[in-house]
């Protein structure tokens, strides 16, 4: 017989709304809206009324409690969104804050910046101090997958140290793990102009460690407190040189080896990586925070590189010309951004 969770759904009205969306209301003695109108009303329904079937009973009527996500029962209703955005954000923030070690929760991404589409995901981050156990997040019961600490990074102790892909209240939601000790370390190093680049899936140039500061700068704090950040002047001066050196290396290798041999895929791959590094250099010189690579080239004014690469063939002469054209465009963009910084 499947097991049901009921003990953690009575903390507050907002957390009850999620579970009510999965109730068998045809057999309920109260409509969902009535049940969540008062914590006392719903607590009274639950109090001492869990029977051996896993149902909540009240005067011989019952409410069916949402099943755990690992119970595969045919015919269970799909959870649909029943909260408005404000209630949803408040609910997620307060539930995540109850997890041991968590000191703050933020909303980031396009939802925080106001650039989201109606179908955009919701990006949350939980900030913990000391240890965090992902199993406690899984035990909330939200459908999805939660990684272990370090599950999303190839670097031990890296900044992008894991998270979860979940469905909360019928909405696709990401929850990122952020270690406040790591955040403090990155803040200190960037004040000296230093940072590291970590490899990360789906990122061409890699992930700069100062991403965690960028997230704090553009996110909205839902509960708790997080460090206040501004773009360090030392980082603006030193990061462009680091990024451009990497870009130059990629351009050089692409021209000498892949272009000369007519290796189209490898050549284009290095050009994409080099251009991404150059874009990082431009935005660092401007003091513009970068949280991912999705709009990286557009924000740096380098999206015209698309036309350079769109009709290439394995012809060595054509590949060398493409490398030189892309290199010139990136070099000019970086030079201009650094000159503006010097003159500011």
C-alpha atoms as a PDB file:
ATOM      1  CA  UNK A   1       0.000   0.000   0.000  1.00  0.00           C
ATOM      2  CA  UNK A   2       1.434   3.438  -0.902  1.00  0.00           C
ATOM      3  CA  UNK A   3       2.499   5.695   1.925  1.00  0.00           C
ATOM      4  CA  UNK A   4       1.316   9.260   2.288  1.00  0.00           C
ATOM      5  CA  UNK A   5       2.891  12.347   3.804  1.00  0.00           C
ATOM      6  CA  UNK A   6       0.724  14.674   5.822  1.00  0.00           C
ATOM      7  CA  UNK A   7       2.877  15.939   8.648  1.00  0.00           C
ATOM      8  CA  UNK A   8       4.545  18.831   6.853  1.00  0.00           C
ATOM      9  CA  UNK A   9       1.583  20.273   4.982  1.00  0.00           C
ATOM     10  CA  UNK A  10       0.113  22.156   7.917  1.00  0.00           C
ATOM     11  CA  UNK A  11       2.832  24.697   8.577  1.00  0.00           C
ATOM     12  CA  UNK A  12       1.019  27.634   6.980  1.00  0.00           C
ATOM     13  CA  UNK A  13      -1.777  28.522   4.588  1.00  0.00           C
ATOM     14  CA  UNK A  14       0.493  28.900   1.550  1.00  0.00           C
ATOM     15  CA  UNK A  15       1.988  25.426   1.903  1.00  0.00           C
ATOM     16  CA  UNK A  16      -1.503  23.928   2.109  1.00  0.00           C
ATOM     17  CA  UNK A  17      -2.533  25.410  -1.226  1.00  0.00           C
ATOM     18  CA  UNK A  18      -0.066  23.193  -3.098  1.00  0.00           C
ATOM     19  CA  UNK A  19      -1.441  20.042  -1.581  1.00  0.00           C
ATOM     20  CA  UNK A  20      -5.067  21.041  -2.050  1.00  0.00           C
ATOM     21  CA  UNK A  21      -4.502  21.073  -5.802  1.00  0.00           C
ATOM     22  CA  UNK A  22      -4.196  17.275  -5.604  1.00  0.00           C
ATOM     23  CA  UNK A  23      -7.212  16.644  -3.390  1.00  0.00           C
ATOM     24  CA  UNK A  24     -10.159  14.558  -4.530  1.00  0.00           C
ATOM     25  CA  UNK A  25     -12.585  17.382  -3.994  1.00  0.00           C
ATOM     26  CA  UNK A  26     -15.590  15.331  -5.085  1.00  0.00           C
ATOM     27  CA  UNK A  27     -15.334  13.565  -1.740  1.00  0.00           C
ATOM     28  CA  UNK A  28     -14.159  16.490   0.368  1.00  0.00           C
ATOM     29  CA  UNK A  29     -16.389  18.057   2.963  1.00  0.00           C
ATOM     30  CA  UNK A  30     -14.918  21.507   2.261  1.00  0.00           C
ATOM     31  CA  UNK A  31     -13.991  23.213  -0.993  1.00  0.00           C
ATOM     32  CA  UNK A  32     -10.276  23.865  -1.363  1.00  0.00           C
ATOM     33  CA  UNK A  33     -10.667  27.628  -1.107  1.00  0.00           C
ATOM     34  CA  UNK A  34     -12.637  27.284   2.106  1.00  0.00           C
ATOM     35  CA  UNK A  35     -10.124  24.884   3.589  1.00  0.00           C
ATOM     36  CA  UNK A  36      -7.186  27.265   3.068  1.00  0.00           C
ATOM     37  CA  UNK A  37      -9.048  30.352   4.197  1.00  0.00           C
ATOM     38  CA  UNK A  38      -7.963  29.598   7.746  1.00  0.00           C
ATOM     39  CA  UNK A  39      -5.101  27.523   9.111  1.00  0.00           C
ATOM     40  CA  UNK A  40      -7.334  26.576  12.015  1.00  0.00           C
ATOM     41  CA  UNK A  41      -9.984  25.127   9.679  1.00  0.00           C
ATOM     42  CA  UNK A  42      -7.584  22.854   7.854  1.00  0.00           C
ATOM     43  CA  UNK A  43      -5.724  21.830  11.003  1.00  0.00           C
ATOM     44  CA  UNK A  44      -9.075  20.819  12.461  1.00  0.00           C
ATOM     45  CA  UNK A  45      -9.703  18.611   9.430  1.00  0.00           C
ATOM     46  CA  UNK A  46      -6.311  16.919   9.829  1.00  0.00           C
ATOM     47  CA  UNK A  47      -6.253  16.618  13.593  1.00  0.00           C
ATOM     48  CA  UNK A  48      -6.530  12.929  14.510  1.00  0.00           C
ATOM     49  CA  UNK A  49      -8.243  12.011  11.263  1.00  0.00           C
ATOM     50  CA  UNK A  50      -5.667   9.975   9.314  1.00  0.00           C
ATOM     51  CA  UNK A  51      -7.033   6.470   8.721  1.00  0.00           C
ATOM     52  CA  UNK A  52      -5.304   3.265   7.654  1.00  0.00           C
ATOM     53  CA  UNK A  53      -6.067   3.963   3.984  1.00  0.00           C
ATOM     54  CA  UNK A  54      -3.998   7.145   4.002  1.00  0.00           C
ATOM     55  CA  UNK A  55      -7.100   9.342   3.830  1.00  0.00           C
ATOM     56  CA  UNK A  56      -8.008  12.273   6.021  1.00  0.00           C
ATOM     57  CA  UNK A  57     -11.448  11.644   7.498  1.00  0.00           C
ATOM     58  CA  UNK A  58     -13.884  14.080   9.019  1.00  0.00           C
ATOM     59  CA  UNK A  59     -17.346  12.954  10.049  1.00  0.00           C
ATOM     60  CA  UNK A  60     -17.010   9.964   7.678  1.00  0.00           C
ATOM     61  CA  UNK A  61     -16.034  12.112   4.739  1.00  0.00           C
ATOM     62  CA  UNK A  62     -12.437  12.394   3.581  1.00  0.00           C
ATOM     63  CA  UNK A  63      -9.813  14.503   1.859  1.00  0.00           C
ATOM     64  CA  UNK A  64      -7.175  12.664  -0.152  1.00  0.00           C
ATOM     65  CA  UNK A  65      -3.676  13.927   0.655  1.00  0.00           C
ATOM     66  CA  UNK A  66      -1.220  14.333  -2.213  1.00  0.00           C
ATOM     67  CA  UNK A  67       0.994  11.318  -2.592  1.00  0.00           C
ATOM     68  CA  UNK A  68       4.740  11.313  -2.387  1.00  0.00           C
ATOM     69  CA  UNK A  69       6.364  11.781  -5.803  1.00  0.00           C
ATOM     70  CA  UNK A  70       7.891   8.283  -5.644  1.00  0.00           C
ATOM     71  CA  UNK A  71       4.461   6.600  -5.469  1.00  0.00           C
ATOM     72  CA  UNK A  72       3.392   5.771  -9.037  1.00  0.00           C
ATOM     73  CA  UNK A  73      -0.368   5.329  -8.861  1.00  0.00           C
ATOM     74  CA  UNK A  74      -2.401   5.331 -12.062  1.00  0.00           C
ATOM     75  CA  UNK A  75      -5.073   7.976 -12.212  1.00  0.00           C
ATOM     76  CA  UNK A  76      -3.568  10.480  -9.747  1.00  0.00           C
ATOM     77  CA  UNK A  77      -4.445  14.015 -10.904  1.00  0.00           C
ATOM     78  CA  UNK A  78      -1.664  16.178 -12.302  1.00  0.00           C
ATOM     79  CA  UNK A  79      -0.819  19.123 -10.060  1.00  0.00           C
ATOM     80  CA  UNK A  80      -1.870  22.399 -11.645  1.00  0.00           C
ATOM     81  CA  UNK A  81      -1.024  25.887 -10.498  1.00  0.00           C
ATOM     82  CA  UNK A  82      -3.492  27.280  -7.993  1.00  0.00           C
ATOM     83  CA  UNK A  83      -1.453  30.122  -6.463  1.00  0.00           C
ATOM     84  CA  UNK A  84      -0.845  33.531  -7.910  1.00  0.00           C
ATOM     85  CA  UNK A  85       2.793  34.561  -8.401  1.00  0.00           C
ATOM     86  CA  UNK A  86       3.078  36.448  -5.132  1.00  0.00           C
ATOM     87  CA  UNK A  87       1.731  33.561  -3.053  1.00  0.00           C
ATOM     88  CA  UNK A  88       3.880  31.067  -4.974  1.00  0.00           C
ATOM     89  CA  UNK A  89       7.113  32.990  -4.386  1.00  0.00           C
ATOM     90  CA  UNK A  90       6.317  33.490  -0.716  1.00  0.00           C
ATOM     91  CA  UNK A  91       5.463  29.811  -0.307  1.00  0.00           C
ATOM     92  CA  UNK A  92       8.680  28.522  -1.905  1.00  0.00           C
ATOM     93  CA  UNK A  93      10.858  30.942   0.036  1.00  0.00           C
ATOM     94  CA  UNK A  94       9.361  30.075   3.411  1.00  0.00           C
ATOM     95  CA  UNK A  95       9.432  26.313   2.800  1.00  0.00           C
ATOM     96  CA  UNK A  96      13.090  26.354   1.678  1.00  0.00           C
ATOM     97  CA  UNK A  97      14.060  28.475   4.677  1.00  0.00           C
ATOM     98  CA  UNK A  98      12.880  25.674   6.982  1.00  0.00           C
ATOM     99  CA  UNK A  99      15.614  23.336   5.666  1.00  0.00           C
ATOM    100  CA  UNK A 100      18.531  22.862   8.096  1.00  0.00           C
ATOM    101  CA  UNK A 101      21.459  25.141   7.344  1.00  0.00           C
ATOM    102  CA  UNK A 102      19.561  27.459   4.974  1.00  0.00           C
ATOM    103  CA  UNK A 103      19.907  31.129   5.883  1.00  0.00           C
ATOM    104  CA  UNK A 104      18.321  32.833   2.875  1.00  0.00           C
ATOM    105  CA  UNK A 105      16.370  32.213  -0.329  1.00  0.00           C
ATOM    106  CA  UNK A 106      16.398  34.344  -3.477  1.00  0.00           C
ATOM    107  CA  UNK A 107      14.535  34.518  -6.776  1.00  0.00           C
ATOM    108  CA  UNK A 108      16.767  35.019  -9.801  1.00  0.00           C
ATOM    109  CA  UNK A 109      16.790  34.764 -13.573  1.00  0.00           C
ATOM    110  CA  UNK A 110      14.261  36.345 -15.870  1.00  0.00           C
ATOM    111  CA  UNK A 111      11.525  36.221 -13.205  1.00  0.00           C
ATOM    112  CA  UNK A 112      13.561  38.527 -10.974  1.00  0.00           C
ATOM    113  CA  UNK A 113      14.643  40.797 -13.828  1.00  0.00           C
ATOM    114  CA  UNK A 114      11.150  41.107 -15.302  1.00  0.00           C
ATOM    115  CA  UNK A 115      12.216  39.739 -18.708  1.00  0.00           C
ATOM    116  CA  UNK A 116      10.431  36.417 -18.421  1.00  0.00           C
ATOM    117  CA  UNK A 117       7.999  34.844 -20.840  1.00  0.00           C
ATOM    118  CA  UNK A 118       4.778  33.318 -19.479  1.00  0.00           C
ATOM    119  CA  UNK A 119       6.337  29.848 -19.764  1.00  0.00           C
ATOM    120  CA  UNK A 120       9.725  30.768 -18.263  1.00  0.00           C
ATOM    121  CA  UNK A 121      11.127  28.631 -15.468  1.00  0.00           C
ATOM    122  CA  UNK A 122      11.378  29.892 -11.906  1.00  0.00           C
ATOM    123  CA  UNK A 123      14.965  30.153 -10.630  1.00  0.00           C
ATOM    124  CA  UNK A 124      15.423  30.002  -6.867  1.00  0.00           C
ATOM    125  CA  UNK A 125      18.633  29.777  -4.854  1.00  0.00           C
ATOM    126  CA  UNK A 126      19.007  28.638  -1.289  1.00  0.00           C
ATOM    127  CA  UNK A 127      21.984  30.014   0.615  1.00  0.00           C
ATOM    128  CA  UNK A 128      23.341  27.799   3.357  1.00  0.00           C
ATOM    129  CA  UNK A 129      26.140  28.034   5.886  1.00  0.00           C
ATOM    130  CA  UNK A 130      28.130  24.975   6.908  1.00  0.00           C
ATOM    131  CA  UNK A 131      26.427  21.829   5.686  1.00  0.00           C
ATOM    132  CA  UNK A 132      23.334  21.305   3.580  1.00  0.00           C
ATOM    133  CA  UNK A 133      21.706  17.935   2.994  1.00  0.00           C
ATOM    134  CA  UNK A 134      19.859  17.665  -0.356  1.00  0.00           C
ATOM    135  CA  UNK A 135      17.868  14.746   1.044  1.00  0.00           C
ATOM    136  CA  UNK A 136      15.971  17.225   3.213  1.00  0.00           C
ATOM    137  CA  UNK A 137      14.940  19.053   0.039  1.00  0.00           C
ATOM    138  CA  UNK A 138      13.759  15.789  -1.521  1.00  0.00           C
ATOM    139  CA  UNK A 139      11.693  15.036   1.566  1.00  0.00           C
ATOM    140  CA  UNK A 140       9.523  18.082   0.923  1.00  0.00           C
ATOM    141  CA  UNK A 141       7.911  15.934  -1.751  1.00  0.00           C
ATOM    142  CA  UNK A 142       8.091  18.242  -4.781  1.00  0.00           C
ATOM    143  CA  UNK A 143       8.358  16.124  -7.955  1.00  0.00           C
ATOM    144  CA  UNK A 144      11.725  16.269  -9.681  1.00  0.00           C
ATOM    145  CA  UNK A 145      15.408  15.525  -9.213  1.00  0.00           C
ATOM    146  CA  UNK A 146      17.757  17.027  -6.601  1.00  0.00           C
ATOM    147  CA  UNK A 147      21.505  16.546  -7.047  1.00  0.00           C
ATOM    148  CA  UNK A 148      24.016  15.934  -4.315  1.00  0.00           C
ATOM    149  CA  UNK A 149      26.370  18.731  -3.265  1.00  0.00           C
ATOM    150  CA  UNK A 150      28.860  19.152  -6.110  1.00  0.00           C
ATOM    151  CA  UNK A 151      26.634  17.284  -8.543  1.00  0.00           C
ATOM    152  CA  UNK A 152      26.635  20.038 -11.156  1.00  0.00           C
ATOM    153  CA  UNK A 153      30.345  20.868 -11.109  1.00  0.00           C
ATOM    154  CA  UNK A 154      33.553  19.137 -12.135  1.00  0.00           C
ATOM    155  CA  UNK A 155      35.458  21.194  -9.556  1.00  0.00           C
ATOM    156  CA  UNK A 156      35.572  20.302  -5.870  1.00  0.00           C
ATOM    157  CA  UNK A 157      34.400  23.215  -3.775  1.00  0.00           C
ATOM    158  CA  UNK A 158      33.247  25.119  -6.857  1.00  0.00           C
ATOM    159  CA  UNK A 159      30.683  27.865  -6.910  1.00  0.00           C
ATOM    160  CA  UNK A 160      28.111  25.977  -8.975  1.00  0.00           C
ATOM    161  CA  UNK A 161      27.795  23.141  -6.534  1.00  0.00           C
ATOM    162  CA  UNK A 162      24.448  21.567  -7.313  1.00  0.00           C
ATOM    163  CA  UNK A 163      20.737  22.077  -7.338  1.00  0.00           C
ATOM    164  CA  UNK A 164      17.380  20.616  -8.240  1.00  0.00           C
ATOM    165  CA  UNK A 165      14.985  20.561 -11.185  1.00  0.00           C
ATOM    166  CA  UNK A 166      11.512  20.462  -9.687  1.00  0.00           C
ATOM    167  CA  UNK A 167       7.836  20.987 -10.353  1.00  0.00           C
ATOM    168  CA  UNK A 168       6.331  23.161  -7.643  1.00  0.00           C
ATOM    169  CA  UNK A 169       2.668  24.067  -7.791  1.00  0.00           C
ATOM    170  CA  UNK A 170       2.661  22.906 -11.430  1.00  0.00           C
ATOM    171  CA  UNK A 171       5.542  25.252 -12.342  1.00  0.00           C
ATOM    172  CA  UNK A 172       9.002  24.259 -13.624  1.00  0.00           C
ATOM    173  CA  UNK A 173      11.363  25.457 -10.914  1.00  0.00           C
ATOM    174  CA  UNK A 174      15.122  25.285 -10.406  1.00  0.00           C
ATOM    175  CA  UNK A 175      16.621  25.453  -6.936  1.00  0.00           C
ATOM    176  CA  UNK A 176      20.349  26.176  -6.834  1.00  0.00           C
ATOM    177  CA  UNK A 177      22.559  25.421  -3.836  1.00  0.00           C
ATOM    178  CA  UNK A 178      24.829  28.279  -2.809  1.00  0.00           C
ATOM    179  CA  UNK A 179      27.419  27.933  -0.046  1.00  0.00           C
ATOM    180  CA  UNK A 180      27.783  31.208   1.844  1.00  0.00           C
ATOM    181  CA  UNK A 181      31.346  30.339   2.838  1.00  0.00           C
ATOM    182  CA  UNK A 182      32.201  30.082  -0.878  1.00  0.00           C
ATOM    183  CA  UNK A 183      30.378  33.354  -1.552  1.00  0.00           C
ATOM    184  CA  UNK A 184      32.440  35.096   1.143  1.00  0.00           C
ATOM    185  CA  UNK A 185      35.625  33.687  -0.392  1.00  0.00           C
ATOM    186  CA  UNK A 186      34.709  34.913  -3.866  1.00  0.00           C
ATOM    187  CA  UNK A 187      33.822  38.377  -2.581  1.00  0.00           C
ATOM    188  CA  UNK A 188      37.259  38.660  -0.961  1.00  0.00           C
ATOM    189  CA  UNK A 189      39.148  37.451  -4.051  1.00  0.00           C
ATOM    190  CA  UNK A 190      37.302  39.664  -6.535  1.00  0.00           C
ATOM    191  CA  UNK A 191      38.119  42.723  -4.458  1.00  0.00           C
ATOM    192  CA  UNK A 192      41.704  41.933  -5.423  1.00  0.00           C
ATOM    193  CA  UNK A 193      40.721  41.360  -9.059  1.00  0.00           C
ATOM    194  CA  UNK A 194      41.099  37.587  -8.909  1.00  0.00           C
ATOM    195  CA  UNK A 195      38.671  34.940 -10.103  1.00  0.00           C
ATOM    196  CA  UNK A 196      38.584  31.402 -11.449  1.00  0.00           C
ATOM    197  CA  UNK A 197      36.843  29.863 -14.446  1.00  0.00           C
ATOM    198  CA  UNK A 198      35.139  26.526 -13.897  1.00  0.00           C
ATOM    199  CA  UNK A 199      34.023  24.144 -16.654  1.00  0.00           C
ATOM    200  CA  UNK A 200      30.264  23.720 -16.702  1.00  0.00           C
ATOM    201  CA  UNK A 201      27.894  21.762 -18.893  1.00  0.00           C
ATOM    202  CA  UNK A 202      26.351  23.798 -21.733  1.00  0.00           C
ATOM    203  CA  UNK A 203      28.714  26.738 -21.269  1.00  0.00           C
ATOM    204  CA  UNK A 204      31.262  27.521 -23.983  1.00  0.00           C
ATOM    205  CA  UNK A 205      33.624  29.753 -22.057  1.00  0.00           C
ATOM    206  CA  UNK A 206      33.126  28.174 -18.659  1.00  0.00           C
ATOM    207  CA  UNK A 207      31.776  29.727 -15.516  1.00  0.00           C
ATOM    208  CA  UNK A 208      33.546  32.636 -13.782  1.00  0.00           C
ATOM    209  CA  UNK A 209      33.537  32.286 -10.021  1.00  0.00           C
ATOM    210  CA  UNK A 210      32.125  35.813  -9.741  1.00  0.00           C
ATOM    211  CA  UNK A 211      28.841  34.406 -11.070  1.00  0.00           C
ATOM    212  CA  UNK A 212      27.735  34.060  -7.442  1.00  0.00           C
ATOM    213  CA  UNK A 213      28.126  37.825  -7.024  1.00  0.00           C
ATOM    214  CA  UNK A 214      26.235  38.465 -10.253  1.00  0.00           C
ATOM    215  CA  UNK A 215      23.373  36.340  -8.955  1.00  0.00           C
ATOM    216  CA  UNK A 216      23.213  38.331  -5.743  1.00  0.00           C
ATOM    217  CA  UNK A 217      23.301  41.614  -7.657  1.00  0.00           C
ATOM    218  CA  UNK A 218      20.331  40.817  -9.915  1.00  0.00           C
ATOM    219  CA  UNK A 219      18.218  38.556  -7.682  1.00  0.00           C
ATOM    220  CA  UNK A 220      15.424  39.377  -5.245  1.00  0.00           C
ATOM    221  CA  UNK A 221      15.847  38.223  -1.664  1.00  0.00           C
ATOM    222  CA  UNK A 222      12.712  36.433  -0.537  1.00  0.00           C
ATOM    223  CA  UNK A 223      13.642  35.515   3.024  1.00  0.00           C
ATOM    224  CA  UNK A 224      16.740  35.837   5.166  1.00  0.00           C
ATOM    225  CA  UNK A 225      19.780  37.980   4.433  1.00  0.00           C
ATOM    226  CA  UNK A 226      22.487  37.718   1.766  1.00  0.00           C
ATOM    227  CA  UNK A 227      25.632  39.818   1.246  1.00  0.00           C
ATOM    228  CA  UNK A 228      25.272  43.106  -0.623  1.00  0.00           C
ATOM    229  CA  UNK A 229      27.571  43.324  -3.639  1.00  0.00           C
ATOM    230  CA  UNK A 230      28.778  45.827  -6.222  1.00  0.00           C
ATOM    231  CA  UNK A 231      31.085  45.272  -9.184  1.00  0.00           C
ATOM    232  CA  UNK A 232      34.666  45.464  -7.837  1.00  0.00           C
ATOM    233  CA  UNK A 233      36.839  48.000  -9.643  1.00  0.00           C
ATOM    234  CA  UNK A 234      39.823  45.665  -9.419  1.00  0.00           C
ATOM    235  CA  UNK A 235      37.843  42.994 -11.240  1.00  0.00           C
ATOM    236  CA  UNK A 236      36.872  45.422 -14.007  1.00  0.00           C
ATOM    237  CA  UNK A 237      40.543  46.191 -14.566  1.00  0.00           C
ATOM    238  CA  UNK A 238      41.953  42.665 -14.403  1.00  0.00           C
ATOM    239  CA  UNK A 239      39.241  40.332 -15.720  1.00  0.00           C
ATOM    240  CA  UNK A 240      39.213  41.662 -19.323  1.00  0.00           C
ATOM    241  CA  UNK A 241      42.880  40.801 -19.742  1.00  0.00           C
ATOM    242  CA  UNK A 242      42.363  37.277 -18.441  1.00  0.00           C
ATOM    243  CA  UNK A 243      39.417  36.646 -20.739  1.00  0.00           C
ATOM    244  CA  UNK A 244      41.085  38.173 -23.787  1.00  0.00           C
ATOM    245  CA  UNK A 245      44.239  36.115 -23.307  1.00  0.00           C
ATOM    246  CA  UNK A 246      42.097  32.968 -23.423  1.00  0.00           C
ATOM    247  CA  UNK A 247      40.270  34.250 -26.509  1.00  0.00           C
ATOM    248  CA  UNK A 248      43.542  35.010 -28.308  1.00  0.00           C
ATOM    249  CA  UNK A 249      44.771  31.476 -27.586  1.00  0.00           C
ATOM    250  CA  UNK A 250      41.600  29.964 -29.075  1.00  0.00           C
ATOM    251  CA  UNK A 251      41.741  32.162 -32.192  1.00  0.00           C
ATOM    252  CA  UNK A 252      45.406  31.339 -32.756  1.00  0.00           C
ATOM    253  CA  UNK A 253      44.911  27.588 -32.455  1.00  0.00           C
ATOM    254  CA  UNK A 254      41.837  27.656 -34.684  1.00  0.00           C
ATOM    255  CA  UNK A 255      43.730  29.451 -37.452  1.00  0.00           C
ATOM    256  CA  UNK A 256      47.012  27.521 -37.309  1.00  0.00           C
ATOM    257  CA  UNK A 257      45.619  24.040 -37.002  1.00  0.00           C
ATOM    258  CA  UNK A 258      41.893  23.546 -37.626  1.00  0.00           C
ATOM    259  CA  UNK A 259      41.434  26.146 -40.369  1.00  0.00           C
ATOM    260  CA  UNK A 260      44.625  25.110 -42.136  1.00  0.00           C
ATOM    261  CA  UNK A 261      43.471  21.480 -42.180  1.00  0.00           C
ATOM    262  CA  UNK A 262      39.914  22.262 -43.231  1.00  0.00           C
ATOM    263  CA  UNK A 263      38.429  20.904 -40.003  1.00  0.00           C
ATOM    264  CA  UNK A 264      35.166  22.840 -40.058  1.00  0.00           C
ATOM    265  CA  UNK A 265      33.541  21.640 -36.855  1.00  0.00           C
ATOM    266  CA  UNK A 266      36.624  22.042 -34.684  1.00  0.00           C
ATOM    267  CA  UNK A 267      37.380  25.459 -36.155  1.00  0.00           C
ATOM    268  CA  UNK A 268      33.856  26.760 -35.603  1.00  0.00           C
ATOM    269  CA  UNK A 269      33.842  25.309 -32.092  1.00  0.00           C
ATOM    270  CA  UNK A 270      36.965  27.255 -31.129  1.00  0.00           C
ATOM    271  CA  UNK A 271      35.632  30.421 -32.763  1.00  0.00           C
ATOM    272  CA  UNK A 272      32.465  30.162 -30.678  1.00  0.00           C
ATOM    273  CA  UNK A 273      34.487  29.678 -27.517  1.00  0.00           C
ATOM    274  CA  UNK A 274      36.893  32.515 -28.373  1.00  0.00           C
ATOM    275  CA  UNK A 275      34.030  34.892 -29.109  1.00  0.00           C
ATOM    276  CA  UNK A 276      32.351  33.991 -25.812  1.00  0.00           C
ATOM    277  CA  UNK A 277      35.571  34.731 -23.926  1.00  0.00           C
ATOM    278  CA  UNK A 278      35.867  38.055 -25.727  1.00  0.00           C
ATOM    279  CA  UNK A 279      32.291  38.899 -24.773  1.00  0.00           C
ATOM    280  CA  UNK A 280      33.118  38.191 -21.128  1.00  0.00           C
ATOM    281  CA  UNK A 281      36.084  40.576 -21.471  1.00  0.00           C
ATOM    282  CA  UNK A 282      33.871  43.335 -22.870  1.00  0.00           C
ATOM    283  CA  UNK A 283      31.220  43.025 -20.179  1.00  0.00           C
ATOM    284  CA  UNK A 284      33.785  42.802 -17.384  1.00  0.00           C
ATOM    285  CA  UNK A 285      35.386  46.050 -18.572  1.00  0.00           C
ATOM    286  CA  UNK A 286      31.946  47.665 -18.520  1.00  0.00           C
ATOM    287  CA  UNK A 287      31.202  46.304 -15.050  1.00  0.00           C
ATOM    288  CA  UNK A 288      28.159  44.397 -16.298  1.00  0.00           C
ATOM    289  CA  UNK A 289      27.177  41.279 -14.375  1.00  0.00           C
ATOM    290  CA  UNK A 290      26.867  38.002 -16.291  1.00  0.00           C
ATOM    291  CA  UNK A 291      24.787  35.126 -14.896  1.00  0.00           C
ATOM    292  CA  UNK A 292      24.818  32.864 -17.984  1.00  0.00           C
ATOM    293  CA  UNK A 293      25.794  32.815 -21.665  1.00  0.00           C
ATOM    294  CA  UNK A 294      22.315  33.030 -23.202  1.00  0.00           C
ATOM    295  CA  UNK A 295      22.511  36.752 -24.070  1.00  0.00           C
ATOM    296  CA  UNK A 296      26.275  37.058 -23.751  1.00  0.00           C
ATOM    297  CA  UNK A 297      27.136  37.955 -27.364  1.00  0.00           C
ATOM    298  CA  UNK A 298      24.165  40.272 -27.801  1.00  0.00           C
ATOM    299  CA  UNK A 299      24.988  42.230 -24.646  1.00  0.00           C
ATOM    300  CA  UNK A 300      28.626  42.532 -25.706  1.00  0.00           C
ATOM    301  CA  UNK A 301      27.711  43.691 -29.229  1.00  0.00           C
ATOM    302  CA  UNK A 302      29.211  40.613 -30.880  1.00  0.00           C
ATOM    303  CA  UNK A 303      26.147  38.909 -32.324  1.00  0.00           C
ATOM    304  CA  UNK A 304      27.300  39.793 -35.869  1.00  0.00           C
ATOM    305  CA  UNK A 305      29.748  36.903 -35.572  1.00  0.00           C
ATOM    306  CA  UNK A 306      26.732  34.721 -36.422  1.00  0.00           C
ATOM    307  CA  UNK A 307      26.932  35.949 -40.029  1.00  0.00           C
ATOM    308  CA  UNK A 308      30.622  35.125 -40.201  1.00  0.00           C
ATOM    309  CA  UNK A 309      29.975  31.501 -39.289  1.00  0.00           C
ATOM    310  CA  UNK A 310      26.637  30.897 -41.005  1.00  0.00           C
ATOM    311  CA  UNK A 311      27.863  29.845 -44.483  1.00  0.00           C
ATOM    312  CA  UNK A 312      31.247  28.295 -43.832  1.00  0.00           C
ATOM    313  CA  UNK A 313      32.615  25.267 -45.658  1.00  0.00           C
ATOM    314  CA  UNK A 314      35.659  23.078 -44.946  1.00  0.00           C
ATOM    315  CA  UNK A 315      37.737  25.167 -47.372  1.00  0.00           C
ATOM    316  CA  UNK A 316      40.944  26.208 -45.508  1.00  0.00           C
ATOM    317  CA  UNK A 317      41.054  29.668 -47.090  1.00  0.00           C
ATOM    318  CA  UNK A 318      37.448  30.374 -46.105  1.00  0.00           C
ATOM    319  CA  UNK A 319      38.069  29.160 -42.561  1.00  0.00           C
ATOM    320  CA  UNK A 320      41.173  31.317 -42.162  1.00  0.00           C
ATOM    321  CA  UNK A 321      39.244  34.332 -43.391  1.00  0.00           C
ATOM    322  CA  UNK A 322      36.450  33.616 -40.900  1.00  0.00           C
ATOM    323  CA  UNK A 323      38.935  33.337 -38.033  1.00  0.00           C
ATOM    324  CA  UNK A 324      40.570  36.641 -38.988  1.00  0.00           C
ATOM    325  CA  UNK A 325      37.218  38.418 -39.352  1.00  0.00           C
ATOM    326  CA  UNK A 326      35.949  37.177 -35.995  1.00  0.00           C
ATOM    327  CA  UNK A 327      39.265  38.003 -34.327  1.00  0.00           C
ATOM    328  CA  UNK A 328      39.232  41.560 -35.647  1.00  0.00           C
ATOM    329  CA  UNK A 329      35.670  42.178 -34.488  1.00  0.00           C
ATOM    330  CA  UNK A 330      36.336  40.791 -31.007  1.00  0.00           C
ATOM    331  CA  UNK A 331      39.641  42.590 -30.658  1.00  0.00           C
ATOM    332  CA  UNK A 332      38.042  45.932 -31.496  1.00  0.00           C
ATOM    333  CA  UNK A 333      35.163  45.357 -29.055  1.00  0.00           C
ATOM    334  CA  UNK A 334      37.533  44.493 -26.209  1.00  0.00           C
ATOM    335  CA  UNK A 335      39.892  47.385 -27.036  1.00  0.00           C
ATOM    336  CA  UNK A 336      37.005  49.861 -27.044  1.00  0.00           C
ATOM    337  CA  UNK A 337      35.579  48.609 -23.746  1.00  0.00           C
ATOM    338  CA  UNK A 338      38.964  48.779 -22.002  1.00  0.00           C
ATOM    339  CA  UNK A 339      39.638  52.250 -23.394  1.00  0.00           C
ATOM    340  CA  UNK A 340      36.307  53.501 -22.080  1.00  0.00           C
ATOM    341  CA  UNK A 341      37.182  52.087 -18.664  1.00  0.00           C
ATOM    342  CA  UNK A 342      40.521  53.875 -18.656  1.00  0.00           C
ATOM    343  CA  UNK A 343      38.916  57.161 -19.613  1.00  0.00           C
ATOM    344  CA  UNK A 344      36.105  56.911 -17.077  1.00  0.00           C
END
